[in-house]
Amino acid sequence: EPTGQGPVAPLPAFIAPVTDADRAVVFPDGSGHAMRDSAVRYFVLFDQLEWRSGSAPGEVSWDTRGWVGNDRDRLWFRTEGEGNRERLGGAQAHLLYGRAIARWWDAVVGIRQDVRTGPPQTWAAIGLQGLAPYWFEVEATAYIGPSGRTHVRLETEYELLLTNRLILQPLVELEVYGKADPARRLGAGLSHADAGLRLRYEFRRELAPYAGVVWVRKFFGTADLARVAGERSSGARWTVGIRTWL
């Protein structure tokens, strides 16, 4: 009789008792699931591999991230950008160390390298990423670069399951710069807001084509610099792509 409990009722005759062989099948190592597993694993997510088309020339866009490590400590990478047949547009890569600080949250610190537009530039990065209440995925990252330049980026997305395989994914991204950078056509303050709505169908969990619409808006000094360069400061684009992971 277990301590602090009453007598255990016998199992019905049609239910076989659990044997050591049954336990060995479920827990081959005899120890069950380790809550803080030290085994090294990896994960790579191609969240967006897509073609965008609209009033501007069509372009390819990507957003990829991944990690290698264990349950608590991980080395993260992120890379994103866009380009067309004529040139590579904005592109950047992150390399970050992440440590779990709560059940659903990681703190990250590392570097970001901007490849385009403008001359190459390196930033120090620090941020938080994880699941907010109601299952919103959040990335909040602050950067400091050459000459004391600062940049803050907030990204949040949500997955709405219409069926077990059909998923609607809204995403919003905001970017704020502390100083103007004319070489990169960036003004001080709120510079960009991106909002996307993508509908994907998961043939398998790791393979899902999608279609959607992306709305982009530039603000204040960034919008002024875009207009001077003959670019639009806002607009919507249709997108088709594939989401996959390893």
Protein backbone atom coordinates (compact mmCIF):
# COMPACT_ATOMS: atom_id res chain seq x y z
CA GLU A 1 0.00 0.00 0.00
CA PRO A 2 1.59 3.36 -1.04
CA THR A 3 2.28 5.79 1.78
CA GLY A 4 -0.53 8.31 2.28
CA GLN A 5 -2.91 6.51 -0.09
CA GLY A 6 -5.71 4.06 0.37
CA PRO A 7 -5.70 0.47 -0.86
CA VAL A 8 -5.13 0.10 -4.60
CA ALA A 9 -8.11 -1.45 -6.38
CA PRO A 10 -7.27 -4.63 -8.33
CA LEU A 11 -7.21 -4.39 -12.14
CA PRO A 12 -10.17 -5.82 -14.05
CA ALA A 13 -9.58 -9.34 -15.31
CA PHE A 14 -9.42 -8.24 -18.95
CA ILE A 15 -6.44 -5.87 -18.28
CA ALA A 16 -3.08 -7.64 -18.10
CA PRO A 17 -0.69 -6.47 -15.38
CA VAL A 18 2.35 -4.39 -16.41
CA THR A 19 5.51 -6.49 -16.62
CA ASP A 20 9.21 -5.62 -16.61
CA ALA A 21 9.28 -6.42 -20.34
CA ASP A 22 6.54 -3.81 -20.94
CA ARG A 23 8.54 -1.22 -19.01
CA ALA A 24 11.68 -2.03 -21.01
CA VAL A 25 9.85 -1.34 -24.28
CA VAL A 26 8.60 2.06 -23.11
CA PHE A 27 11.81 3.06 -21.28
CA PRO A 28 14.69 1.19 -22.95
CA ASP A 29 17.34 2.76 -20.71
CA GLY A 30 15.32 2.12 -17.55
CA SER A 31 15.37 5.78 -16.54
CA GLY A 32 12.37 7.26 -18.36
CA HIS A 33 12.47 10.75 -19.88
CA ALA A 34 15.19 13.15 -18.72
CA MET A 35 13.71 16.58 -18.11
CA ARG A 36 17.07 18.26 -18.71
CA ASP A 37 18.58 16.09 -21.38
CA SER A 38 22.29 16.65 -22.05
CA ALA A 39 22.22 14.93 -25.45
CA VAL A 40 23.25 17.18 -28.35
CA ARG A 41 20.56 17.63 -30.99
CA TYR A 42 19.88 20.01 -33.86
CA PHE A 43 16.97 21.61 -35.67
CA VAL A 44 16.82 23.64 -38.91
CA LEU A 45 13.63 25.44 -39.98
CA PHE A 46 13.15 26.98 -43.42
CA ASP A 47 10.23 29.08 -42.21
CA GLN A 48 9.93 31.02 -45.46
CA LEU A 49 11.25 30.05 -48.89
CA GLU A 50 9.05 32.06 -51.18
CA TRP A 51 8.46 34.02 -54.34
CA ARG A 52 6.84 37.44 -54.00
CA SER A 53 5.05 39.21 -56.82
CA GLY A 54 3.08 42.44 -57.09
CA SER A 55 3.46 45.95 -58.47
CA ALA A 56 7.25 45.76 -58.00
CA PRO A 57 9.45 43.19 -59.82
CA GLY A 58 9.16 39.66 -58.46
CA GLU A 59 11.74 38.51 -55.92
CA VAL A 60 12.83 35.55 -53.85
CA SER A 61 12.69 35.89 -50.06
CA TRP A 62 13.92 33.57 -47.32
CA ASP A 63 13.85 33.33 -43.53
CA THR A 64 15.75 30.42 -42.00
CA ARG A 65 16.73 29.61 -38.44
CA GLY A 66 18.03 26.70 -36.42
CA TRP A 67 20.00 25.50 -33.44
CA VAL A 68 22.37 22.84 -32.17
CA GLY A 69 22.70 21.95 -28.48
CA ASN A 70 20.74 20.48 -25.59
CA ASP A 71 17.62 21.41 -23.64
CA ARG A 72 19.28 24.33 -21.82
CA ASP A 73 22.21 25.62 -23.93
CA ARG A 74 22.04 26.08 -27.69
CA LEU A 75 23.94 27.73 -30.52
CA TRP A 76 21.40 29.50 -32.72
CA PHE A 77 21.64 30.87 -36.24
CA ARG A 78 19.25 32.97 -38.27
CA THR A 79 19.53 34.19 -41.83
CA GLU A 80 17.08 36.18 -43.95
CA GLY A 81 17.01 38.34 -47.04
CA GLU A 82 15.55 38.90 -50.47
CA GLY A 83 16.72 39.43 -54.02
CA ASN A 84 15.79 39.19 -57.69
CA ARG A 85 17.54 38.27 -60.92
CA GLU A 86 19.32 41.63 -61.01
CA ARG A 87 20.65 42.00 -57.47
CA LEU A 88 20.66 40.76 -53.90
CA GLY A 89 18.57 43.04 -51.69
CA GLY A 90 18.76 43.17 -47.90
CA ALA A 91 20.45 40.12 -46.34
CA GLN A 92 21.72 39.38 -42.87
CA ALA A 93 22.89 36.50 -40.68
CA HIS A 94 22.89 35.94 -36.91
CA LEU A 95 25.04 33.70 -34.74
CA LEU A 96 23.74 33.55 -31.16
CA TYR A 97 24.24 31.67 -27.92
CA GLY A 98 20.92 30.88 -26.26
CA ARG A 99 20.17 29.72 -22.73
CA ALA A 100 16.81 28.64 -21.36
CA ILE A 101 15.76 31.03 -18.58
CA ALA A 102 12.16 29.86 -18.14
CA ARG A 103 9.93 27.05 -19.31
CA TRP A 104 9.14 28.67 -22.67
CA TRP A 105 11.81 31.37 -22.97
CA ASP A 106 15.44 31.65 -24.09
CA ALA A 107 17.80 34.57 -23.65
CA VAL A 108 20.18 35.02 -26.60
CA VAL A 109 23.37 36.97 -27.16
CA GLY A 110 25.71 37.10 -30.15
CA ILE A 111 26.40 38.94 -33.40
CA ARG A 112 24.57 39.92 -36.56
CA GLN A 113 26.24 40.51 -39.91
CA ASP A 114 24.52 42.68 -42.51
CA VAL A 115 25.51 41.82 -46.09
CA ARG A 116 23.24 44.16 -48.04
CA THR A 117 22.06 46.85 -48.59
CA GLY A 118 25.03 49.18 -48.14
CA PRO A 119 28.51 48.23 -46.94
CA PRO A 120 28.90 45.16 -44.66
CA GLN A 121 28.17 45.94 -41.02
CA THR A 122 28.46 43.95 -37.77
CA TRP A 123 26.17 44.34 -34.77
CA ALA A 124 26.20 42.96 -31.23
CA ALA A 125 22.86 41.36 -30.38
CA ILE A 126 20.93 40.53 -27.21
CA GLY A 127 17.34 39.43 -26.93
CA LEU A 128 14.56 37.12 -25.80
CA GLN A 129 12.62 34.53 -27.77
CA GLY A 130 9.90 32.11 -26.86
CA LEU A 131 6.18 31.54 -26.43
CA ALA A 132 4.07 34.32 -24.95
CA PRO A 133 0.64 33.62 -23.41
CA TYR A 134 -1.94 32.23 -25.86
CA TRP A 135 0.91 30.63 -27.86
CA PHE A 136 2.24 33.67 -29.66
CA GLU A 137 5.82 33.09 -30.84
CA VAL A 138 7.91 36.16 -30.04
CA GLU A 139 11.43 37.33 -30.95
CA ALA A 140 12.59 40.62 -29.42
CA THR A 141 16.17 41.57 -30.23
CA ALA A 142 18.22 44.72 -29.55
CA TYR A 143 21.41 45.54 -31.48
CA ILE A 144 24.29 47.95 -31.11
CA GLY A 145 26.58 48.62 -34.05
CA PRO A 146 29.42 50.87 -35.20
CA SER A 147 29.41 54.51 -34.06
CA GLY A 148 26.88 53.70 -31.34
CA ARG A 149 24.09 52.86 -33.78
CA THR A 150 21.16 51.03 -32.21
CA HIS A 151 18.39 48.90 -33.64
CA VAL A 152 15.44 47.06 -32.11
CA ARG A 153 13.39 44.42 -33.88
CA LEU A 154 10.20 42.78 -32.64
CA GLU A 155 8.63 39.85 -34.44
CA THR A 156 5.54 37.89 -33.44
CA GLU A 157 3.59 35.16 -35.17
CA TYR A 158 0.74 32.81 -34.43
CA GLU A 159 -0.41 29.49 -35.86
CA LEU A 160 -4.18 29.06 -36.21
CA LEU A 161 -5.12 25.44 -36.92
CA LEU A 162 -8.12 25.45 -39.24
CA THR A 163 -7.76 21.65 -39.52
CA ASN A 164 -5.02 19.25 -38.49
CA ARG A 165 -3.20 20.04 -41.75
CA LEU A 166 -4.46 23.45 -42.86
CA ILE A 167 -2.82 26.26 -40.87
CA LEU A 168 -3.19 30.04 -41.10
CA GLN A 169 -0.11 31.95 -39.93
CA PRO A 170 -0.24 35.72 -39.32
CA LEU A 171 3.10 37.46 -38.70
CA VAL A 172 4.02 41.05 -37.75
CA GLU A 173 7.52 42.55 -37.64
CA LEU A 174 8.54 46.05 -36.49
CA GLU A 175 11.97 47.69 -36.77
CA VAL A 176 13.25 50.81 -34.99
CA TYR A 177 16.64 52.52 -35.51
CA GLY A 178 18.30 54.96 -33.14
CA LYS A 179 20.21 56.88 -35.85
CA ALA A 180 19.70 57.55 -39.52
CA ASP A 181 21.88 55.62 -41.98
CA PRO A 182 21.50 57.16 -45.45
CA ALA A 183 23.91 54.63 -47.00
CA ARG A 184 21.35 51.92 -46.22
CA ARG A 185 18.36 54.19 -46.82
CA LEU A 186 17.33 54.02 -43.16
CA GLY A 187 15.87 56.86 -41.11
CA ALA A 188 15.81 57.27 -37.35
CA GLY A 189 12.82 55.98 -35.37
CA LEU A 190 10.26 53.47 -36.62
CA SER A 191 11.53 52.41 -40.04
CA HIS A 192 9.62 49.31 -41.20
CA ALA A 193 6.49 47.35 -40.47
CA ASP A 194 5.87 44.04 -42.20
CA ALA A 195 2.62 42.10 -41.87
CA GLY A 196 2.04 38.73 -43.50
CA LEU A 197 -0.79 36.24 -43.70
CA ARG A 198 0.13 32.78 -45.02
CA LEU A 199 -2.06 29.72 -45.45
CA ARG A 200 -0.18 26.43 -45.58
CA TYR A 201 -1.11 22.80 -46.03
CA GLU A 202 1.05 20.22 -44.27
CA PHE A 203 1.37 17.10 -46.42
CA ARG A 204 3.75 16.09 -43.66
CA ARG A 205 4.67 18.17 -40.61
CA GLU A 206 8.06 18.86 -42.14
CA LEU A 207 6.79 19.73 -45.64
CA ALA A 208 4.15 22.41 -46.20
CA PRO A 209 3.54 24.57 -49.30
CA TYR A 210 1.76 27.85 -48.68
CA ALA A 211 0.33 30.96 -50.30
CA GLY A 212 -0.43 34.36 -48.82
CA VAL A 213 -0.08 38.10 -48.89
CA VAL A 214 2.59 40.35 -47.40
CA TRP A 215 2.10 44.05 -46.65
CA VAL A 216 5.17 46.26 -46.20
CA ARG A 217 5.24 49.86 -44.97
CA LYS A 218 8.19 52.23 -44.49
CA PHE A 219 7.88 55.17 -42.10
CA PHE A 220 9.24 58.66 -41.53
CA GLY A 221 12.85 59.15 -42.68
CA THR A 222 13.07 55.67 -44.17
CA ALA A 223 10.02 56.36 -46.33
CA ASP A 224 11.51 59.72 -47.45
CA LEU A 225 14.78 58.06 -48.47
CA ALA A 226 12.90 55.36 -50.37
CA ARG A 227 10.91 57.95 -52.34
CA VAL A 228 14.10 59.86 -53.19
CA ALA A 229 15.56 56.61 -54.56
CA GLY A 230 12.44 56.08 -56.68
CA GLU A 231 11.07 53.25 -54.53
CA ARG A 232 7.60 52.77 -53.10
CA SER A 233 7.17 53.35 -49.37
CA SER A 234 4.36 50.81 -48.98
CA GLY A 235 2.58 48.07 -50.82
CA ALA A 236 1.15 44.55 -50.75
CA ARG A 237 2.58 41.52 -52.53
CA TRP A 238 1.30 38.03 -53.18
CA THR A 239 3.55 35.19 -52.13
CA VAL A 240 3.87 31.45 -52.69
CA GLY A 241 6.45 29.25 -51.04
CA ILE A 242 7.29 26.23 -48.97
CA ARG A 243 7.97 25.70 -45.28
CA THR A 244 10.15 22.77 -44.31
CA TRP A 245 12.40 21.62 -41.49
CA LEU A 246 15.13 19.10 -40.73
